[in-house]
């Protein structure tokens, strides 16, 4: 039964992601790098880790959606469909809000309710991270991946002097 529910969600995702890119990512341009070029970055860089992510999972870059794949790396969210929904909850907790994200959360919660505890944990994790959902990660591909990940996973703290 779960397999059928996931197939339905994949069908909906496939039909809506093109519309999402067209209407929500109008002003965004696709990155200037290929998966192969990412593998040429320094070993400890975000760019290299992203290239390895694509190679490991057999994925291709989707134009204007490259930041989404970086979000997987930064957050540690997997790539199964329930993980994709959890990442949307994490991004909501991180401050991102748009119709596509809300639709994914509502539909994912209704169709895969057995993961709702995981979704709430992901939301809380996003609340406890620095806001990163709006960053342009293409400009950060040269940065050390571990340092970048550590920086994002530390919530902003107020220092009183």
Protein backbone atom coordinates (compact mmCIF):
# COMPACT_ATOMS: atom_id res chain seq x y z
CA UNK A 1 0.00 0.00 0.00
CA UNK A 2 2.83 2.43 0.82
CA UNK A 3 4.35 1.78 -2.59
CA UNK A 4 1.13 2.91 -4.27
CA UNK A 5 0.96 6.05 -2.12
CA UNK A 6 4.59 6.93 -2.95
CA UNK A 7 3.93 6.36 -6.66
CA UNK A 8 1.02 8.79 -6.43
CA UNK A 9 3.22 11.39 -4.71
CA UNK A 10 5.93 10.91 -7.35
CA UNK A 11 3.33 11.44 -10.08
CA UNK A 12 2.12 14.66 -8.42
CA UNK A 13 5.70 15.83 -7.89
CA UNK A 14 6.63 15.16 -11.50
CA UNK A 15 3.65 17.18 -12.73
CA UNK A 16 4.14 20.11 -10.35
CA UNK A 17 7.93 20.57 -10.21
CA UNK A 18 8.06 21.95 -13.75
CA UNK A 19 5.34 24.46 -12.85
CA UNK A 20 7.19 25.30 -9.63
CA UNK A 21 10.37 26.08 -11.57
CA UNK A 22 8.45 28.12 -14.11
CA UNK A 23 6.43 30.25 -11.69
CA UNK A 24 8.41 30.27 -8.42
CA UNK A 25 11.91 30.27 -9.89
CA UNK A 26 11.31 32.73 -12.76
CA UNK A 27 14.19 35.02 -11.91
CA UNK A 28 16.58 32.28 -10.87
CA UNK A 29 19.10 30.99 -13.40
CA UNK A 30 20.54 27.52 -13.53
CA UNK A 31 24.04 27.01 -12.19
CA UNK A 32 27.04 27.33 -14.47
CA UNK A 33 28.51 23.98 -13.44
CA UNK A 34 27.89 20.38 -14.48
CA UNK A 35 27.99 17.34 -12.25
CA UNK A 36 31.39 16.48 -13.78
CA UNK A 37 32.80 19.95 -13.06
CA UNK A 38 31.66 19.70 -9.43
CA UNK A 39 33.84 16.60 -9.05
CA UNK A 40 36.87 18.73 -9.98
CA UNK A 41 36.49 20.99 -6.93
CA UNK A 42 38.81 20.50 -3.93
CA UNK A 43 38.12 17.31 -2.02
CA UNK A 44 36.69 18.98 1.10
CA UNK A 45 34.61 21.61 -0.72
CA UNK A 46 30.86 21.92 -0.98
CA UNK A 47 31.16 21.63 -4.77
CA UNK A 48 32.99 18.31 -4.57
CA UNK A 49 30.56 16.92 -1.98
CA UNK A 50 27.66 17.89 -4.23
CA UNK A 51 29.27 16.22 -7.25
CA UNK A 52 29.81 13.07 -5.17
CA UNK A 53 26.16 13.23 -4.05
CA UNK A 54 25.00 13.24 -7.67
CA UNK A 55 27.34 10.40 -8.60
CA UNK A 56 26.43 8.28 -5.56
CA UNK A 57 22.69 8.56 -6.16
CA UNK A 58 22.80 8.58 -9.96
CA UNK A 59 21.08 11.97 -10.03
CA UNK A 60 21.34 14.75 -12.57
CA UNK A 61 21.18 18.43 -11.79
CA UNK A 62 17.73 19.90 -12.34
CA UNK A 63 18.01 23.49 -13.62
CA UNK A 64 17.11 26.08 -10.98
CA UNK A 65 16.77 23.36 -8.31
CA UNK A 66 20.44 22.91 -7.45
CA UNK A 67 20.09 24.52 -4.00
CA UNK A 68 17.58 21.79 -3.12
CA UNK A 69 20.30 19.17 -3.51
CA UNK A 70 22.65 21.21 -1.33
CA UNK A 71 19.90 21.26 1.30
CA UNK A 72 20.07 17.44 1.34
CA UNK A 73 23.80 17.60 2.07
CA UNK A 74 23.60 20.34 4.69
CA UNK A 75 20.67 18.82 6.58
CA UNK A 76 21.49 15.15 6.23
CA UNK A 77 18.00 14.46 4.87
CA UNK A 78 17.83 11.35 2.73
CA UNK A 79 16.36 11.04 -0.73
CA UNK A 80 13.43 8.67 -0.16
CA UNK A 81 10.07 10.31 -0.57
CA UNK A 82 9.35 10.50 3.16
CA UNK A 83 12.75 12.20 3.54
CA UNK A 84 11.77 14.75 0.89
CA UNK A 85 8.65 15.60 2.88
CA UNK A 86 10.73 15.80 6.07
CA UNK A 87 13.06 18.24 4.34
CA UNK A 88 10.09 20.44 3.43
CA UNK A 89 9.14 20.49 7.13
CA UNK A 90 12.75 21.35 8.00
CA UNK A 91 12.72 24.22 5.50
CA UNK A 92 9.42 25.46 6.95
CA UNK A 93 11.05 25.46 10.39
CA UNK A 94 13.99 27.32 8.86
CA UNK A 95 11.71 30.10 7.64
CA UNK A 96 10.89 29.16 4.05
CA UNK A 97 7.26 29.60 3.10
CA UNK A 98 5.60 29.28 -0.28
CA UNK A 99 2.62 27.53 -1.82
CA UNK A 100 4.64 24.64 -3.23
CA UNK A 101 6.25 23.89 0.14
CA UNK A 102 2.90 24.03 1.93
CA UNK A 103 1.28 21.77 -0.67
CA UNK A 104 4.10 19.24 -0.26
CA UNK A 105 3.72 19.31 3.51
CA UNK A 106 -0.06 18.90 3.46
CA UNK A 107 -0.09 16.22 0.79
CA UNK A 108 2.88 14.38 2.29
CA UNK A 109 1.30 14.42 5.76
CA UNK A 110 -2.00 13.10 4.44
CA UNK A 111 -0.51 10.39 2.26
CA UNK A 112 2.39 9.30 4.51
CA UNK A 113 1.06 10.01 8.03
CA UNK A 114 3.15 7.24 9.58
CA UNK A 115 6.18 9.56 9.31
CA UNK A 116 4.56 12.53 11.03
CA UNK A 117 6.83 12.25 14.11
CA UNK A 118 9.85 12.40 11.80
CA UNK A 119 8.35 15.44 10.10
CA UNK A 120 7.92 17.25 13.42
CA UNK A 121 11.51 16.40 14.38
CA UNK A 122 12.67 17.81 11.04
CA UNK A 123 10.64 21.00 11.62
CA UNK A 124 12.29 21.46 15.02
CA UNK A 125 15.72 20.79 13.54
CA UNK A 126 15.09 23.52 10.96
CA UNK A 127 14.05 25.95 13.71
CA UNK A 128 17.33 25.27 15.50
CA UNK A 129 19.51 25.98 12.46
CA UNK A 130 20.63 29.31 11.04
CA UNK A 131 18.30 30.44 8.28
CA UNK A 132 19.91 29.10 5.10
CA UNK A 133 16.96 28.35 2.84
CA UNK A 134 17.47 31.58 0.87
CA UNK A 135 21.26 31.33 0.39
CA UNK A 136 22.87 31.20 -3.05
CA UNK A 137 24.96 28.07 -2.62
CA UNK A 138 26.54 28.35 -6.06
CA UNK A 139 28.66 31.19 -4.68
CA UNK A 140 29.76 28.92 -1.82
CA UNK A 141 30.82 25.85 -3.80
CA UNK A 142 34.51 26.55 -3.01
CA UNK A 143 33.92 26.66 0.74
CA UNK A 144 34.90 23.85 3.09
CA UNK A 145 31.82 21.66 3.38
CA UNK A 146 32.23 20.72 7.05
CA UNK A 147 32.79 24.34 8.13
CA UNK A 148 29.75 25.49 6.16
CA UNK A 149 27.59 22.70 7.56
CA UNK A 150 28.75 23.41 11.13
CA UNK A 151 28.04 27.12 10.69
CA UNK A 152 24.50 26.48 9.45
CA UNK A 153 23.72 23.96 12.15
CA UNK A 154 24.55 26.47 14.89
CA UNK A 155 21.56 28.62 15.70
CA UNK A 156 22.17 32.35 15.83
CA UNK A 157 22.91 33.31 19.39
CA UNK A 158 22.78 36.75 20.90
CA UNK A 159 25.98 37.82 22.60
CA UNK A 160 25.57 40.30 25.42
CA UNK A 161 28.60 42.37 26.39
